[in-house]
Amino acid sequence: MSKEDKNTRAITVNRKAYHDYEILSKHEAGLVLLGTEVKAIREGRVNLKDSHVEIRRGEAFLVGCHIGPYSNAGLNNHENERPRKLLLHLRELRKFDQRVTVKGVTIVPLRMYFNPRGRVKLEVGLVKGRRSYDKKQKIKDRDIKREVDRELKRYQ
């Protein structure tokens, strides 16, 4: 576990993305959020499943991410699935834009976490879709590795 991992507190992980996609690279992005959204995230009311990142007019937006309503907000609550702007460096944004134009490559959120300063950060990945037989092969390889590790542990 690296120093970065020890100082961050994971909110949610998009496990489906790790299964469905081959991750080419990972990047950290900030999020533009409303106050009730941050409080709802602290309550754990967030779901990254089926969400993705779109680049519109030179800006990146998180689309399809569900952040549930904050329990104590009353009428002043936020929209659950509104597009949220991502804060990225300009060169990262240009790199993403160039890579996404390639067929089969997309940007998917991998995990959401609090950094040591208490800010909500999103780890996005440049990913390429896996075929169903690739998914099955990955599961077989993982099972074989697990079995080998068990046998090695047993004889040590």
N, C-alpha and C. Protein backbone atom coordinates (compact mmCIF):
# COMPACT_ATOMS: atom_id res chain seq x y z
N MET A 1 0.86 -1.18 0.00
CA MET A 1 0.00 0.00 0.00
C MET A 1 0.90 1.24 0.00
N SER A 2 0.69 2.15 -0.94
CA SER A 2 1.53 3.33 -1.04
C SER A 2 1.10 4.41 -0.06
N LYS A 3 1.92 5.42 0.03
CA LYS A 3 1.64 6.53 0.95
C LYS A 3 0.32 7.22 0.58
N GLU A 4 0.07 7.36 -0.72
CA GLU A 4 -1.17 7.99 -1.18
C GLU A 4 -2.39 7.22 -0.71
N ASP A 5 -2.33 5.89 -0.81
CA ASP A 5 -3.47 5.06 -0.44
C ASP A 5 -3.79 5.14 1.04
N LYS A 6 -2.77 5.30 1.88
CA LYS A 6 -2.98 5.38 3.32
C LYS A 6 -3.69 6.67 3.72
N ASN A 7 -3.45 7.75 2.98
CA ASN A 7 -4.01 9.05 3.33
C ASN A 7 -5.37 9.32 2.70
N THR A 8 -5.83 8.45 1.84
CA THR A 8 -7.12 8.67 1.19
C THR A 8 -8.17 7.76 1.80
N ARG A 9 -9.41 8.25 1.82
CA ARG A 9 -10.52 7.46 2.35
C ARG A 9 -11.49 7.19 1.19
N ALA A 10 -11.57 5.95 0.79
CA ALA A 10 -12.40 5.58 -0.36
C ALA A 10 -13.88 5.75 -0.03
N ILE A 11 -14.62 6.33 -0.94
CA ILE A 11 -16.06 6.49 -0.80
C ILE A 11 -16.76 5.36 -1.53
N THR A 12 -16.40 5.17 -2.79
CA THR A 12 -16.99 4.11 -3.59
C THR A 12 -16.01 3.70 -4.69
N VAL A 13 -16.12 2.44 -5.10
CA VAL A 13 -15.28 1.90 -6.16
C VAL A 13 -16.19 1.32 -7.23
N ASN A 14 -15.89 1.60 -8.47
CA ASN A 14 -16.67 1.10 -9.60
C ASN A 14 -16.10 -0.27 -10.00
N ARG A 15 -16.51 -1.31 -9.28
CA ARG A 15 -15.98 -2.65 -9.51
C ARG A 15 -16.38 -3.19 -10.88
N LYS A 16 -17.52 -2.77 -11.37
CA LYS A 16 -17.99 -3.21 -12.69
C LYS A 16 -17.03 -2.73 -13.79
N ALA A 17 -16.45 -1.55 -13.60
CA ALA A 17 -15.52 -1.02 -14.60
C ALA A 17 -14.26 -1.88 -14.68
N TYR A 18 -13.77 -2.35 -13.53
CA TYR A 18 -12.58 -3.19 -13.53
C TYR A 18 -12.85 -4.53 -14.22
N HIS A 19 -14.10 -4.98 -14.19
CA HIS A 19 -14.48 -6.24 -14.83
C HIS A 19 -14.73 -6.06 -16.32
N ASP A 20 -15.42 -4.99 -16.69
CA ASP A 20 -15.85 -4.80 -18.08
C ASP A 20 -14.79 -4.18 -18.99
N TYR A 21 -13.80 -3.51 -18.42
CA TYR A 21 -12.84 -2.76 -19.24
C TYR A 21 -11.40 -3.12 -18.90
N GLU A 22 -10.55 -2.92 -19.89
CA GLU A 22 -9.10 -3.00 -19.70
C GLU A 22 -8.63 -1.57 -19.47
N ILE A 23 -8.00 -1.32 -18.34
CA ILE A 23 -7.62 0.04 -17.97
C ILE A 23 -6.26 0.37 -18.59
N LEU A 24 -6.24 1.43 -19.41
CA LEU A 24 -5.02 1.84 -20.09
C LEU A 24 -4.22 2.82 -19.23
N SER A 25 -4.89 3.76 -18.58
CA SER A 25 -4.21 4.71 -17.69
C SER A 25 -5.22 5.27 -16.70
N LYS A 26 -4.69 5.75 -15.55
CA LYS A 26 -5.52 6.33 -14.50
C LYS A 26 -5.11 7.76 -14.24
N HIS A 27 -6.09 8.61 -13.94
CA HIS A 27 -5.83 10.02 -13.65
C HIS A 27 -6.74 10.50 -12.53
N GLU A 28 -6.28 11.49 -11.79
CA GLU A 28 -7.08 12.07 -10.71
C GLU A 28 -7.76 13.34 -11.21
N ALA A 29 -9.03 13.51 -10.84
CA ALA A 29 -9.78 14.70 -11.23
C ALA A 29 -10.57 15.21 -10.05
N GLY A 30 -10.72 16.52 -9.97
CA GLY A 30 -11.59 17.12 -8.97
C GLY A 30 -13.00 17.19 -9.51
N LEU A 31 -13.95 17.46 -8.64
CA LEU A 31 -15.35 17.55 -9.04
C LEU A 31 -15.93 18.88 -8.58
N VAL A 32 -16.79 19.48 -9.40
CA VAL A 32 -17.53 20.67 -9.00
C VAL A 32 -18.85 20.17 -8.44
N LEU A 33 -19.02 20.32 -7.12
CA LEU A 33 -20.20 19.78 -6.44
C LEU A 33 -20.92 20.85 -5.66
N LEU A 34 -22.20 20.64 -5.41
CA LEU A 34 -22.98 21.50 -4.53
C LEU A 34 -22.79 21.02 -3.09
N GLY A 35 -23.14 21.86 -2.13
CA GLY A 35 -22.98 21.52 -0.72
C GLY A 35 -23.74 20.29 -0.30
N THR A 36 -24.99 20.16 -0.78
CA THR A 36 -25.79 19.00 -0.40
C THR A 36 -25.22 17.72 -1.02
N GLU A 37 -24.57 17.85 -2.19
CA GLU A 37 -23.96 16.68 -2.82
C GLU A 37 -22.79 16.17 -1.99
N VAL A 38 -21.97 17.08 -1.49
CA VAL A 38 -20.83 16.68 -0.67
C VAL A 38 -21.32 16.00 0.60
N LYS A 39 -22.35 16.53 1.22
CA LYS A 39 -22.89 15.94 2.44
C LYS A 39 -23.51 14.57 2.17
N ALA A 40 -24.18 14.42 1.03
CA ALA A 40 -24.74 13.12 0.66
C ALA A 40 -23.63 12.12 0.38
N ILE A 41 -22.53 12.58 -0.22
CA ILE A 41 -21.38 11.70 -0.46
C ILE A 41 -20.79 11.24 0.86
N ARG A 42 -20.70 12.14 1.83
CA ARG A 42 -20.20 11.75 3.16
C ARG A 42 -21.09 10.71 3.81
N GLU A 43 -22.38 10.73 3.50
CA GLU A 43 -23.31 9.71 3.99
C GLU A 43 -23.20 8.41 3.20
N GLY A 44 -22.46 8.42 2.09
CA GLY A 44 -22.28 7.22 1.27
C GLY A 44 -23.37 7.01 0.24
N ARG A 45 -24.08 8.06 -0.15
CA ARG A 45 -25.19 7.94 -1.10
C ARG A 45 -24.73 8.20 -2.53
N VAL A 46 -23.72 7.47 -2.98
CA VAL A 46 -23.21 7.68 -4.33
C VAL A 46 -23.04 6.34 -5.03
N ASN A 47 -23.29 6.33 -6.36
CA ASN A 47 -23.18 5.12 -7.16
C ASN A 47 -22.54 5.49 -8.50
N LEU A 48 -21.38 4.90 -8.80
CA LEU A 48 -20.67 5.19 -10.05
C LEU A 48 -21.02 4.22 -11.17
N LYS A 49 -21.81 3.20 -10.88
CA LYS A 49 -22.13 2.19 -11.88
C LYS A 49 -22.87 2.84 -13.06
N ASP A 50 -22.51 2.45 -14.26
CA ASP A 50 -23.11 2.94 -15.51
C ASP A 50 -22.85 4.42 -15.76
N SER A 51 -21.82 4.99 -15.15
CA SER A 51 -21.49 6.39 -15.42
C SER A 51 -20.24 6.45 -16.30
N HIS A 52 -20.08 7.56 -16.98
CA HIS A 52 -18.94 7.77 -17.86
C HIS A 52 -18.61 9.26 -17.93
N VAL A 53 -17.51 9.58 -18.60
CA VAL A 53 -17.08 10.97 -18.74
C VAL A 53 -17.24 11.37 -20.20
N GLU A 54 -17.85 12.53 -20.41
CA GLU A 54 -18.00 13.09 -21.76
C GLU A 54 -17.20 14.38 -21.83
N ILE A 55 -16.64 14.64 -23.00
CA ILE A 55 -15.94 15.90 -23.23
C ILE A 55 -16.80 16.74 -24.14
N ARG A 56 -17.24 17.90 -23.61
CA ARG A 56 -18.10 18.83 -24.35
C ARG A 56 -17.45 20.20 -24.38
N ARG A 57 -17.24 20.72 -25.56
CA ARG A 57 -16.69 22.06 -25.75
C ARG A 57 -15.44 22.31 -24.89
N GLY A 58 -14.54 21.33 -24.86
CA GLY A 58 -13.28 21.51 -24.15
C GLY A 58 -13.38 21.34 -22.64
N GLU A 59 -14.48 20.83 -22.13
CA GLU A 59 -14.64 20.58 -20.70
C GLU A 59 -15.11 19.15 -20.49
N ALA A 60 -14.70 18.54 -19.38
CA ALA A 60 -15.08 17.16 -19.08
C ALA A 60 -16.23 17.16 -18.08
N PHE A 61 -17.21 16.28 -18.31
CA PHE A 61 -18.37 16.16 -17.43
C PHE A 61 -18.58 14.70 -17.06
N LEU A 62 -18.90 14.47 -15.79
CA LEU A 62 -19.27 13.15 -15.30
C LEU A 62 -20.76 12.98 -15.51
N VAL A 63 -21.15 11.99 -16.32
CA VAL A 63 -22.54 11.79 -16.70
C VAL A 63 -23.01 10.42 -16.18
N GLY A 64 -24.20 10.40 -15.60
CA GLY A 64 -24.79 9.14 -15.16
C GLY A 64 -24.42 8.73 -13.75
N CYS A 65 -23.70 9.56 -13.04
CA CYS A 65 -23.34 9.26 -11.65
C CYS A 65 -24.51 9.64 -10.76
N HIS A 66 -24.95 8.70 -9.94
CA HIS A 66 -26.10 8.95 -9.06
C HIS A 66 -25.61 9.33 -7.67
N ILE A 67 -25.94 10.54 -7.24
CA ILE A 67 -25.69 10.98 -5.86
C ILE A 67 -27.06 11.21 -5.25
N GLY A 68 -27.40 10.37 -4.29
CA GLY A 68 -28.73 10.41 -3.67
C GLY A 68 -28.96 11.69 -2.89
N PRO A 69 -30.20 11.94 -2.51
CA PRO A 69 -30.52 13.17 -1.77
C PRO A 69 -29.93 13.16 -0.36
N TYR A 70 -29.54 14.35 0.10
CA TYR A 70 -29.04 14.50 1.47
C TYR A 70 -30.23 14.46 2.41
N SER A 71 -30.12 13.70 3.47
CA SER A 71 -31.27 13.44 4.34
C SER A 71 -31.78 14.68 5.06
N ASN A 72 -30.94 15.66 5.38
CA ASN A 72 -31.36 16.83 6.16
C ASN A 72 -31.55 18.09 5.31
N ALA A 73 -31.63 17.95 3.99
CA ALA A 73 -31.68 19.14 3.13
C ALA A 73 -33.09 19.70 2.96
N GLY A 74 -34.10 18.91 3.10
CA GLY A 74 -35.46 19.40 2.89
C GLY A 74 -35.72 19.67 1.42
N LEU A 75 -36.23 20.88 1.13
CA LEU A 75 -36.56 21.24 -0.26
C LEU A 75 -35.35 21.69 -1.07
N ASN A 76 -34.27 22.06 -0.41
CA ASN A 76 -33.10 22.61 -1.09
C ASN A 76 -32.13 21.54 -1.53
N ASN A 77 -32.63 20.40 -1.98
CA ASN A 77 -31.77 19.31 -2.39
C ASN A 77 -31.31 19.46 -3.83
N HIS A 78 -30.36 18.64 -4.24
CA HIS A 78 -29.79 18.69 -5.58
C HIS A 78 -30.47 17.65 -6.48
N GLU A 79 -30.23 17.75 -7.79
CA GLU A 79 -30.69 16.74 -8.74
C GLU A 79 -29.81 15.50 -8.57
N ASN A 80 -30.41 14.33 -8.64
CA ASN A 80 -29.65 13.10 -8.39
C ASN A 80 -28.63 12.77 -9.48
N GLU A 81 -28.99 12.96 -10.74
CA GLU A 81 -28.11 12.53 -11.83
C GLU A 81 -27.76 13.66 -12.79
N ARG A 82 -27.49 14.83 -12.28
CA ARG A 82 -27.10 15.92 -13.16
C ARG A 82 -25.65 15.74 -13.62
N PRO A 83 -25.28 16.27 -14.79
CA PRO A 83 -23.87 16.21 -15.22
C PRO A 83 -23.01 17.09 -14.31
N ARG A 84 -21.90 16.55 -13.84
CA ARG A 84 -21.01 17.29 -12.94
C ARG A 84 -19.69 17.55 -13.64
N LYS A 85 -19.22 18.79 -13.58
CA LYS A 85 -17.99 19.18 -14.25
C LYS A 85 -16.79 18.60 -13.52
N LEU A 86 -15.83 18.11 -14.31
CA LEU A 86 -14.58 17.59 -13.75
C LEU A 86 -13.50 18.64 -13.90
N LEU A 87 -12.65 18.72 -12.90
CA LEU A 87 -11.53 19.66 -12.92
C LEU A 87 -10.27 18.90 -13.29
N LEU A 88 -9.79 19.15 -14.50
CA LEU A 88 -8.59 18.50 -15.03
C LEU A 88 -7.63 19.55 -15.57
N HIS A 89 -6.35 19.20 -15.61
CA HIS A 89 -5.38 20.08 -16.24
C HIS A 89 -5.64 20.10 -17.75
N LEU A 90 -5.33 21.20 -18.39
CA LEU A 90 -5.61 21.37 -19.81
C LEU A 90 -4.92 20.31 -20.66
N ARG A 91 -3.68 19.98 -20.32
CA ARG A 91 -2.97 18.98 -21.13
C ARG A 91 -3.58 17.59 -20.95
N GLU A 92 -4.07 17.28 -19.74
CA GLU A 92 -4.77 16.00 -19.54
C GLU A 92 -6.05 15.96 -20.36
N LEU A 93 -6.78 17.07 -20.37
CA LEU A 93 -8.03 17.16 -21.11
C LEU A 93 -7.79 16.97 -22.61
N ARG A 94 -6.74 17.59 -23.12
CA ARG A 94 -6.41 17.44 -24.55
C ARG A 94 -5.99 16.00 -24.86
N LYS A 95 -5.24 15.40 -23.94
CA LYS A 95 -4.81 14.02 -24.13
C LYS A 95 -6.02 13.09 -24.15
N PHE A 96 -6.95 13.30 -23.23
CA PHE A 96 -8.18 12.51 -23.21
C PHE A 96 -8.95 12.68 -24.50
N ASP A 97 -9.09 13.92 -24.95
CA ASP A 97 -9.85 14.21 -26.17
C ASP A 97 -9.25 13.50 -27.38
N GLN A 98 -7.91 13.48 -27.47
CA GLN A 98 -7.25 12.80 -28.58
C GLN A 98 -7.45 11.30 -28.51
N ARG A 99 -7.34 10.74 -27.30
CA ARG A 99 -7.44 9.29 -27.14
C ARG A 99 -8.87 8.78 -27.32
N VAL A 100 -9.87 9.59 -26.93
CA VAL A 100 -11.26 9.15 -27.01
C VAL A 100 -11.73 9.08 -28.45
N THR A 101 -11.12 9.86 -29.33
CA THR A 101 -11.51 9.80 -30.74
C THR A 101 -11.15 8.45 -31.36
N VAL A 102 -10.22 7.70 -30.73
CA VAL A 102 -9.89 6.35 -31.20
C VAL A 102 -11.07 5.43 -30.90
N LYS A 103 -11.40 4.57 -31.84
CA LYS A 103 -12.56 3.70 -31.66
C LYS A 103 -12.33 2.73 -30.50
N GLY A 104 -13.33 2.62 -29.63
CA GLY A 104 -13.28 1.65 -28.54
C GLY A 104 -12.68 2.16 -27.26
N VAL A 105 -12.19 3.40 -27.23
CA VAL A 105 -11.59 3.96 -26.01
C VAL A 105 -12.57 4.95 -25.41
N THR A 106 -12.75 4.87 -24.10
CA THR A 106 -13.65 5.79 -23.39
C THR A 106 -13.06 6.13 -22.03
N ILE A 107 -13.69 7.08 -21.35
CA ILE A 107 -13.25 7.50 -20.02
C ILE A 107 -14.32 7.09 -19.02
N VAL A 108 -13.91 6.36 -17.99
CA VAL A 108 -14.85 5.82 -17.01
C VAL A 108 -14.34 6.15 -15.60
N PRO A 109 -15.23 6.54 -14.68
CA PRO A 109 -14.80 6.74 -13.29
C PRO A 109 -14.51 5.40 -12.63
N LEU A 110 -13.37 5.30 -11.95
CA LEU A 110 -12.98 4.05 -11.30
C LEU A 110 -13.28 4.06 -9.81
N ARG A 111 -12.97 5.17 -9.15
CA ARG A 111 -13.28 5.26 -7.72
C ARG A 111 -13.41 6.71 -7.31
N MET A 112 -14.14 6.94 -6.24
CA MET A 112 -14.31 8.27 -5.67
C MET A 112 -13.77 8.20 -4.24
N TYR A 113 -13.03 9.23 -3.84
CA TYR A 113 -12.40 9.20 -2.52
C TYR A 113 -12.20 10.62 -2.00
N PHE A 114 -11.92 10.71 -0.70
CA PHE A 114 -11.54 11.97 -0.07
C PHE A 114 -10.02 12.00 0.00
N ASN A 115 -9.42 13.10 -0.47
CA ASN A 115 -7.97 13.23 -0.34
C ASN A 115 -7.63 13.67 1.09
N PRO A 116 -6.36 13.75 1.46
CA PRO A 116 -6.02 14.12 2.84
C PRO A 116 -6.57 15.49 3.28
N ARG A 117 -6.82 16.38 2.35
CA ARG A 117 -7.37 17.70 2.69
C ARG A 117 -8.89 17.69 2.82
N GLY A 118 -9.51 16.54 2.59
CA GLY A 118 -10.96 16.41 2.73
C GLY A 118 -11.74 16.75 1.48
N ARG A 119 -11.06 16.88 0.35
CA ARG A 119 -11.74 17.19 -0.92
C ARG A 119 -12.16 15.89 -1.61
N VAL A 120 -13.28 15.95 -2.30
CA VAL A 120 -13.76 14.80 -3.05
C VAL A 120 -12.99 14.74 -4.37
N LYS A 121 -12.35 13.61 -4.62
CA LYS A 121 -11.61 13.40 -5.86
C LYS A 121 -12.17 12.18 -6.57
N LEU A 122 -11.98 12.16 -7.88
CA LEU A 122 -12.47 11.07 -8.70
C LEU A 122 -11.29 10.52 -9.49
N GLU A 123 -11.09 9.21 -9.41
CA GLU A 123 -10.06 8.58 -10.22
C GLU A 123 -10.73 8.10 -11.49
N VAL A 124 -10.33 8.69 -12.62
CA VAL A 124 -10.90 8.31 -13.91
C VAL A 124 -9.87 7.50 -14.67
N GLY A 125 -10.36 6.60 -15.48
CA GLY A 125 -9.47 5.76 -16.26
C GLY A 125 -9.79 5.82 -17.73
N LEU A 126 -8.74 5.82 -18.51
CA LEU A 126 -8.88 5.69 -19.96
C LEU A 126 -8.97 4.19 -20.21
N VAL A 127 -10.09 3.71 -20.72
CA VAL A 127 -10.34 2.27 -20.79
C VAL A 127 -10.73 1.82 -22.20
N LYS A 128 -10.53 0.54 -22.41
CA LYS A 128 -10.94 -0.10 -23.66
C LYS A 128 -11.81 -1.29 -23.27
N GLY A 129 -12.91 -1.48 -23.95
CA GLY A 129 -13.86 -2.55 -23.62
C GLY A 129 -13.27 -3.93 -23.79
N ARG A 130 -13.70 -4.85 -22.92
CA ARG A 130 -13.29 -6.25 -23.01
C ARG A 130 -14.39 -7.06 -23.67
N ARG A 131 -14.00 -8.06 -24.38
CA ARG A 131 -14.96 -9.01 -24.94
C ARG A 131 -15.36 -10.00 -23.84
N SER A 132 -16.46 -10.69 -24.04
CA SER A 132 -16.93 -11.61 -23.01
C SER A 132 -15.94 -12.75 -22.79
N TYR A 133 -15.28 -13.23 -23.86
CA TYR A 133 -14.32 -14.32 -23.68
C TYR A 133 -13.07 -13.83 -22.94
N ASP A 134 -12.72 -12.54 -23.09
CA ASP A 134 -11.61 -11.99 -22.32
C ASP A 134 -11.95 -11.96 -20.84
N LYS A 135 -13.20 -11.61 -20.52
CA LYS A 135 -13.64 -11.57 -19.13
C LYS A 135 -13.57 -12.97 -18.51
N LYS A 136 -14.03 -13.97 -19.26
CA LYS A 136 -14.01 -15.35 -18.77
C LYS A 136 -12.57 -15.81 -18.56
N GLN A 137 -11.68 -15.46 -19.48
CA GLN A 137 -10.28 -15.85 -19.36
C GLN A 137 -9.64 -15.19 -18.15
N LYS A 138 -9.97 -13.95 -17.88
CA LYS A 138 -9.43 -13.26 -16.72
C LYS A 138 -9.88 -13.94 -15.43
N ILE A 139 -11.14 -14.34 -15.37
CA ILE A 139 -11.66 -15.03 -14.19
C ILE A 139 -10.95 -16.37 -14.01
N LYS A 140 -10.73 -17.12 -15.12
CA LYS A 140 -10.02 -18.40 -15.04
C LYS A 140 -8.59 -18.20 -14.53
N ASP A 141 -7.90 -17.19 -15.08
CA ASP A 141 -6.53 -16.92 -14.65
C ASP A 141 -6.46 -16.56 -13.17
N ARG A 142 -7.42 -15.78 -12.71
CA ARG A 142 -7.46 -15.39 -11.30
C ARG A 142 -7.71 -16.60 -10.41
N ASP A 143 -8.61 -17.50 -10.83
CA ASP A 143 -8.88 -18.71 -10.05
C ASP A 143 -7.67 -19.63 -10.00
N ILE A 144 -6.98 -19.78 -11.12
CA ILE A 144 -5.77 -20.61 -11.16
C ILE A 144 -4.70 -20.04 -10.24
N LYS A 145 -4.51 -18.73 -10.30
CA LYS A 145 -3.51 -18.09 -9.44
C LYS A 145 -3.86 -18.27 -7.97
N ARG A 146 -5.12 -18.13 -7.64
CA ARG A 146 -5.57 -18.32 -6.26
C ARG A 146 -5.31 -19.76 -5.79
N GLU A 147 -5.57 -20.73 -6.66
CA GLU A 147 -5.36 -22.14 -6.32
C GLU A 147 -3.87 -22.43 -6.11
N VAL A 148 -3.01 -21.88 -6.99
CA VAL A 148 -1.57 -22.06 -6.86
C VAL A 148 -1.08 -21.45 -5.55
N ASP A 149 -1.57 -20.26 -5.23
CA ASP A 149 -1.16 -19.61 -3.98
C ASP A 149 -1.57 -20.44 -2.76
N ARG A 150 -2.77 -21.04 -2.81
CA ARG A 150 -3.21 -21.90 -1.71
C ARG A 150 -2.30 -23.11 -1.54
N GLU A 151 -1.95 -23.74 -2.66
CA GLU A 151 -1.08 -24.91 -2.59
C GLU A 151 0.31 -24.56 -2.07
N LEU A 152 0.85 -23.44 -2.53
CA LEU A 152 2.15 -22.99 -2.05
C LEU A 152 2.13 -22.70 -0.56
N LYS A 153 1.06 -22.07 -0.12
CA LYS A 153 0.92 -21.74 1.31
C LYS A 153 0.81 -23.03 2.13
N ARG A 154 0.12 -24.02 1.59
CA ARG A 154 -0.08 -25.27 2.30
C ARG A 154 1.23 -26.03 2.52
N TYR A 155 2.14 -25.96 1.54
CA TYR A 155 3.40 -26.70 1.64
C TYR A 155 4.54 -25.91 2.26
N GLN A 156 4.29 -24.71 2.69
CA GLN A 156 5.36 -23.93 3.32
C GLN A 156 5.34 -24.03 4.80
